[in-house]
Amino acid sequence: MAKTKELSKDVRDKIVDLHKAGMGYKTIAKQLGEKVTTVGAIIRKWKKHKITVNLPRPGAPCKISPRGVAMIMRTVRNQPRTTREDLVNDLKAAGTIVTKKTIGNTLRREGLKSCSARKVPLLKKVHIHARLKFANEHLNDSEDNWAKVLWSDETKMELFGINSTRRVWRRNAAYDPKNTIPTVKHGGGNIMLWGCFSAKGTGQFHRIKGTMDGAMYRQILGENLFPSARALKMGRGWVFQLDNDPKHTAKATKEWLKKKHIKVMEWPSQSPDLNPIENLWRELKVRVAKRQPRNLNDLEKICKEEWDKIPPEMCANLVANYKKRL
């Protein structure tokens, strides 16, 4: 039997009004030209729910049984890298045929979402203990103490690096030059940079040419460290942060720092996530990508300009939130 057309809300409301006036089901049905069963169903719904509109429908029954849902939830809890195809095959072996879309809908309904796995340093037990010790020792340090730190690090800037992640607005013409990003093998070349910053802003910026060894690193510090501290008005008692790269921890470098009376922060190995300058490098790469440098010299020039444009407020915010990082 074909499905009949649903009554409008006005007709339903009229049925209820006539019922309130004391009319019976048959009389209402005859007056409005509707079936008695239809009139009765609308009045019963109104008596129970105090509404005349349709209630939300349950939709199609779930293809995956509660037991199947528990199974796939247990699987992804133990192995988060499990793919939807793996789960489809597991359910198929158990006698349930579903699609990957059904698996995705079920996982989202259970509160899970697909995310990119975070990249973290490869940590050994000694690294874990050292990082935890550092965090515990400095967790209650005041913001003023962190404001005295001059953070430093090196990074690699690729000519066509982060550009590949950019999006464009278009209808068609996917290969129109305006809608494409030029790419070349191996990033089109790169430059290595050294930089530093404090809570008051960015410090000196230096391009590393060639392969950096301990002697070159000491030369970079000699040319940039004290000028940065003076420009940022670090005052007395400032602390220099550097990681445990062999060039940084070489005996000659340690003696040079000691001779210059530079206080160095003890730093746990494998801890780039503890260094807020990583956030500035990311900001720099995003800014540089928007300007689309054409060659390595252009890349260096744009990097220097954008480094100097990074607002001191951003630097101050990174230092102010360092306790959360710990």
Foldseek 3Di string as FASTA:
>chain_A
DDDDDDDDQVLLVVLLVVVVVPDDLVVSCVVVVHDSVVSVVQNVCCVVPVGRDDDDDPPDDQQADPVLLVVVVVVCVVPVVDALVNSQVVVVVVPGHDDSVSVQVSCVVVPDDDDDDDDAFDDDPVLVVVVVVVLVVCLPPDLVQQQLEKEKDKDKAALQPPLVVDADDDDDPCPDVVNDRDADPPRQDIWMKMWIAGLQATFDIDTDPDDDALVNVLVCCVVTVVRRCVVSVSDPDGEYEDAVDCSCPPPVNVVSCVVVVHHYDDDRHRPPLLGLVVVVVVVLNVQLSVVNQDHHVSSVVSSVVVRRVPDSNVNNVSSNCSSVSD
